[in-house]
N, C-alpha and C. Protein backbone atom coordinates (compact mmCIF):
# COMPACT_ATOMS: atom_id res chain seq x y z
N MET A 1 -21.48 11.81 -8.77
CA MET A 1 -21.79 11.55 -10.25
C MET A 1 -22.63 10.39 -10.65
N ALA A 2 -22.33 9.17 -9.86
CA ALA A 2 -23.19 8.09 -10.35
C ALA A 2 -24.59 8.26 -9.85
N LEU A 3 -25.00 9.10 -9.18
CA LEU A 3 -26.40 9.24 -8.59
C LEU A 3 -27.21 10.27 -9.58
N ARG A 4 -26.54 10.90 -10.45
CA ARG A 4 -27.15 12.03 -11.30
C ARG A 4 -28.08 11.32 -12.20
N ILE A 5 -27.76 10.26 -12.96
CA ILE A 5 -28.60 9.25 -13.84
C ILE A 5 -29.64 8.83 -13.13
N PRO A 6 -29.40 8.07 -11.93
CA PRO A 6 -30.70 7.46 -11.36
C PRO A 6 -31.88 8.45 -10.79
N CYS A 7 -31.25 9.88 -10.36
CA CYS A 7 -32.14 10.81 -10.08
C CYS A 7 -32.91 11.22 -11.31
N LEU A 8 -32.41 11.41 -12.48
CA LEU A 8 -33.21 11.70 -13.56
C LEU A 8 -34.10 10.80 -13.98
N ILE A 9 -33.74 9.41 -13.89
CA ILE A 9 -34.87 8.44 -14.03
C ILE A 9 -35.88 8.42 -13.09
N ALA A 10 -35.40 8.75 -11.84
CA ALA A 10 -36.48 8.69 -10.77
C ALA A 10 -37.35 9.83 -10.92
N ALA A 11 -36.83 11.10 -11.55
CA ALA A 11 -37.79 12.32 -11.77
C ALA A 11 -38.82 11.84 -13.09
N THR A 12 -38.00 11.30 -13.96
CA THR A 12 -39.23 11.06 -15.09
C THR A 12 -40.17 10.05 -14.75
N LEU A 13 -40.06 9.00 -13.71
CA LEU A 13 -40.97 8.06 -13.35
C LEU A 13 -41.96 8.81 -12.49
N LEU A 14 -41.59 9.81 -11.64
CA LEU A 14 -42.30 10.40 -10.99
C LEU A 14 -43.07 11.75 -11.42
N TYR A 15 -43.24 11.84 -12.86
CA TYR A 15 -43.78 13.07 -13.42
C TYR A 15 -44.95 13.33 -12.95
N GLN A 16 -45.76 12.44 -12.48
CA GLN A 16 -47.25 12.57 -12.01
C GLN A 16 -47.31 13.34 -10.60
N VAL A 17 -46.12 13.40 -9.95
CA VAL A 17 -46.13 14.19 -8.91
C VAL A 17 -44.98 15.23 -9.08
N PRO A 18 -45.44 16.45 -9.68
CA PRO A 18 -44.55 17.47 -10.19
C PRO A 18 -43.77 18.09 -9.20
N TRP A 19 -44.12 18.29 -8.17
CA TRP A 19 -43.29 18.75 -7.13
C TRP A 19 -42.14 17.82 -6.49
N LEU A 20 -42.53 16.62 -6.56
CA LEU A 20 -41.44 15.66 -6.19
C LEU A 20 -40.50 15.54 -7.25
N ALA A 21 -40.77 15.30 -8.55
CA ALA A 21 -39.97 15.45 -9.71
C ALA A 21 -39.12 16.64 -9.92
N ALA A 22 -39.94 17.81 -9.73
CA ALA A 22 -38.96 19.05 -9.89
C ALA A 22 -37.98 18.97 -8.56
N GLY A 23 -38.27 18.47 -7.43
CA GLY A 23 -37.20 18.56 -6.28
C GLY A 23 -35.99 17.50 -6.70
N ILE A 24 -36.45 16.66 -7.09
CA ILE A 24 -35.15 15.43 -7.48
C ILE A 24 -34.48 16.24 -8.74
N LEU A 25 -34.81 16.84 -9.46
CA LEU A 25 -34.28 17.36 -10.63
C LEU A 25 -33.32 18.50 -10.13
N VAL A 26 -33.90 19.36 -9.18
CA VAL A 26 -32.96 20.57 -8.43
C VAL A 26 -32.00 20.06 -7.78
N LEU A 27 -32.19 18.77 -7.22
CA LEU A 27 -31.07 18.26 -6.30
C LEU A 27 -30.06 17.64 -7.12
N SER A 28 -30.56 17.17 -8.27
CA SER A 28 -29.34 16.46 -9.35
C SER A 28 -28.50 17.43 -9.86
N ILE A 29 -28.93 18.67 -9.88
CA ILE A 29 -28.07 19.89 -10.76
C ILE A 29 -26.57 19.90 -10.24
N PRO A 30 -26.74 20.18 -8.84
CA PRO A 30 -25.32 20.61 -8.29
C PRO A 30 -24.25 19.05 -7.96
N LEU A 31 -24.99 18.04 -8.43
CA LEU A 31 -23.98 16.81 -8.11
C LEU A 31 -22.71 16.75 -8.81
N PRO A 32 -22.53 17.18 -10.15
CA PRO A 32 -21.37 17.26 -10.81
C PRO A 32 -20.18 18.15 -10.00
N TRP A 33 -20.69 19.44 -9.97
CA TRP A 33 -20.00 20.28 -8.81
C TRP A 33 -19.56 19.66 -7.46
N MET A 34 -20.44 19.04 -6.91
CA MET A 34 -20.08 18.57 -5.43
C MET A 34 -19.03 17.37 -5.62
N ALA A 35 -19.22 16.75 -6.65
CA ALA A 35 -18.42 15.52 -7.00
C ALA A 35 -16.97 16.06 -7.17
N VAL A 36 -16.48 17.03 -7.80
CA VAL A 36 -15.39 17.81 -8.05
C VAL A 36 -14.78 18.29 -6.61
N LEU A 37 -15.74 18.97 -6.04
CA LEU A 37 -15.37 19.50 -4.66
C LEU A 37 -14.69 18.40 -3.76
N ILE A 38 -15.52 17.35 -3.66
CA ILE A 38 -15.29 16.10 -2.96
C ILE A 38 -13.94 15.56 -3.22
N ALA A 39 -13.67 15.36 -4.69
CA ALA A 39 -12.47 14.80 -5.19
C ALA A 39 -11.29 15.55 -4.98
N ASN A 40 -11.50 16.67 -4.93
CA ASN A 40 -10.44 17.61 -4.89
C ASN A 40 -10.05 18.02 -3.33
N ASP A 41 -10.88 17.39 -2.44
CA ASP A 41 -10.72 17.84 -1.11
C ASP A 41 -9.59 17.18 -0.34
N ARG A 42 -8.41 17.90 -0.17
CA ARG A 42 -7.26 17.31 0.52
C ARG A 42 -6.55 18.42 1.19
N PRO A 43 -5.53 18.23 2.15
CA PRO A 43 -4.94 19.46 2.61
C PRO A 43 -3.94 19.65 1.78
N PRO A 44 -3.55 21.04 1.78
CA PRO A 44 -2.54 21.43 0.86
C PRO A 44 -1.32 20.96 1.12
N LYS A 45 -0.29 20.81 0.16
CA LYS A 45 0.99 20.12 0.41
C LYS A 45 1.81 20.97 1.44
N THR A 46 2.52 20.44 2.33
CA THR A 46 3.55 21.15 3.25
C THR A 46 4.67 21.59 2.32
N ARG A 47 5.43 22.58 2.85
CA ARG A 47 6.64 22.95 2.29
C ARG A 47 7.58 21.75 2.45
N GLU A 48 7.62 21.04 3.34
CA GLU A 48 8.73 19.76 3.29
C GLU A 48 8.56 18.88 2.40
N ARG A 49 7.25 18.59 2.09
CA ARG A 49 6.82 17.76 1.04
C ARG A 49 6.95 18.17 -0.42
N PHE A 50 6.85 19.39 -0.58
CA PHE A 50 6.98 20.08 -1.99
C PHE A 50 8.32 20.85 -2.14
N ARG A 51 8.96 20.40 -3.09
CA ARG A 51 10.29 21.07 -3.50
C ARG A 51 10.55 21.35 -4.78
N PRO A 52 10.58 22.30 -5.44
CA PRO A 52 10.72 22.66 -6.76
C PRO A 52 11.81 21.83 -7.38
N PHE A 53 12.99 21.90 -6.77
CA PHE A 53 14.20 21.05 -7.36
C PHE A 53 14.92 20.51 -6.15
N HIS A 54 15.79 19.55 -6.33
CA HIS A 54 16.62 19.10 -5.39
C HIS A 54 18.02 19.64 -5.56
N ARG A 55 18.71 19.60 -4.45
CA ARG A 55 19.99 19.91 -4.25
C ARG A 55 21.03 18.84 -3.96
N ALA A 56 22.21 18.94 -4.51
CA ALA A 56 23.07 17.81 -4.33
C ALA A 56 23.61 18.25 -2.87
N PRO A 57 24.39 17.24 -2.37
CA PRO A 57 24.81 17.17 -0.87
C PRO A 57 25.80 18.65 -0.71
N ASP A 58 26.42 19.10 -1.82
CA ASP A 58 27.33 20.41 -1.59
C ASP A 58 26.49 21.77 -1.70
N GLY A 59 25.09 21.51 -2.03
CA GLY A 59 24.11 22.74 -2.15
C GLY A 59 24.13 23.21 -3.44
N GLU A 60 24.83 22.63 -4.48
CA GLU A 60 24.64 22.97 -5.68
C GLU A 60 23.40 22.13 -6.29
N PRO A 61 22.57 22.99 -7.20
CA PRO A 61 21.30 22.11 -7.82
C PRO A 61 21.86 21.02 -8.70
N LEU A 62 21.19 20.00 -8.70
CA LEU A 62 21.59 18.71 -9.43
C LEU A 62 21.99 18.91 -11.04
N ASP A 63 21.09 19.78 -11.51
CA ASP A 63 21.22 20.08 -13.12
C ASP A 63 22.36 20.91 -13.24
N ALA A 64 23.00 21.50 -12.44
CA ALA A 64 24.21 22.50 -12.60
C ALA A 64 25.59 21.74 -12.24
N ARG A 65 25.51 20.42 -11.97
CA ARG A 65 26.73 19.73 -11.61
C ARG A 65 27.45 19.23 -12.93
N ARG A 66 28.73 19.30 -12.71
CA ARG A 66 29.52 19.08 -13.70
C ARG A 66 29.72 17.43 -13.88
N THR A 67 29.72 16.99 -14.95
CA THR A 67 29.94 15.68 -15.21
C THR A 67 31.13 15.36 -16.02
N ARG A 68 31.79 14.19 -15.68
CA ARG A 68 33.01 13.96 -16.34
C ARG A 68 32.70 12.88 -17.29
N ALA A 69 33.44 13.13 -18.58
CA ALA A 69 33.15 12.11 -19.64
C ALA A 69 34.08 10.85 -19.50
N LEU A 70 33.73 9.73 -19.73
CA LEU A 70 34.74 8.60 -19.66
C LEU A 70 35.69 8.78 -20.64
N PRO A 71 36.77 8.19 -20.52
CA PRO A 71 37.83 8.22 -21.64
C PRO A 71 37.35 7.40 -22.73
N PRO A 72 37.99 7.65 -24.00
CA PRO A 72 37.76 6.75 -25.05
C PRO A 72 38.15 5.33 -24.79
N ALA A 73 37.36 4.34 -25.35
CA ALA A 73 37.82 2.97 -25.26
C ALA A 73 38.98 2.67 -26.28
N PRO A 74 40.01 1.92 -25.81
CA PRO A 74 41.02 1.74 -26.56
C PRO A 74 40.54 0.86 -27.86
N VAL A 75 41.34 0.93 -28.96
CA VAL A 75 40.95 0.16 -30.13
C VAL A 75 42.12 -0.89 -30.07
N THR A 76 41.39 -2.08 -30.40
CA THR A 76 42.18 -3.41 -30.20
C THR A 76 42.11 -4.13 -31.54
N GLY A 77 43.18 -4.45 -31.96
CA GLY A 77 43.15 -5.45 -33.32
C GLY A 77 42.79 -4.49 -34.51
N SER A 78 42.78 -5.12 -35.65
CA SER A 78 42.45 -4.52 -36.84
C SER A 78 41.80 -5.55 -37.69
N HIS A 79 40.96 -5.09 -38.62
CA HIS A 79 40.27 -6.14 -39.56
C HIS A 79 40.96 -6.87 -40.57
């Protein structure tokens, strides 16, 4: 993407050579598309690396676990 503006500037400076200016403009058109392709180019995630949710050691999903509430704190003294 950083090359697109210099290409446009070079094309305007070379307007006296129309075929060269047009060639630079034509080459600068697919630059954003190519930048996106290069930025997103990575291997797909493997099944071991991607897990939609984690399971507890007993095999139950973590969000389905039962939690125990703490007993209420004793009230000491009075005002």
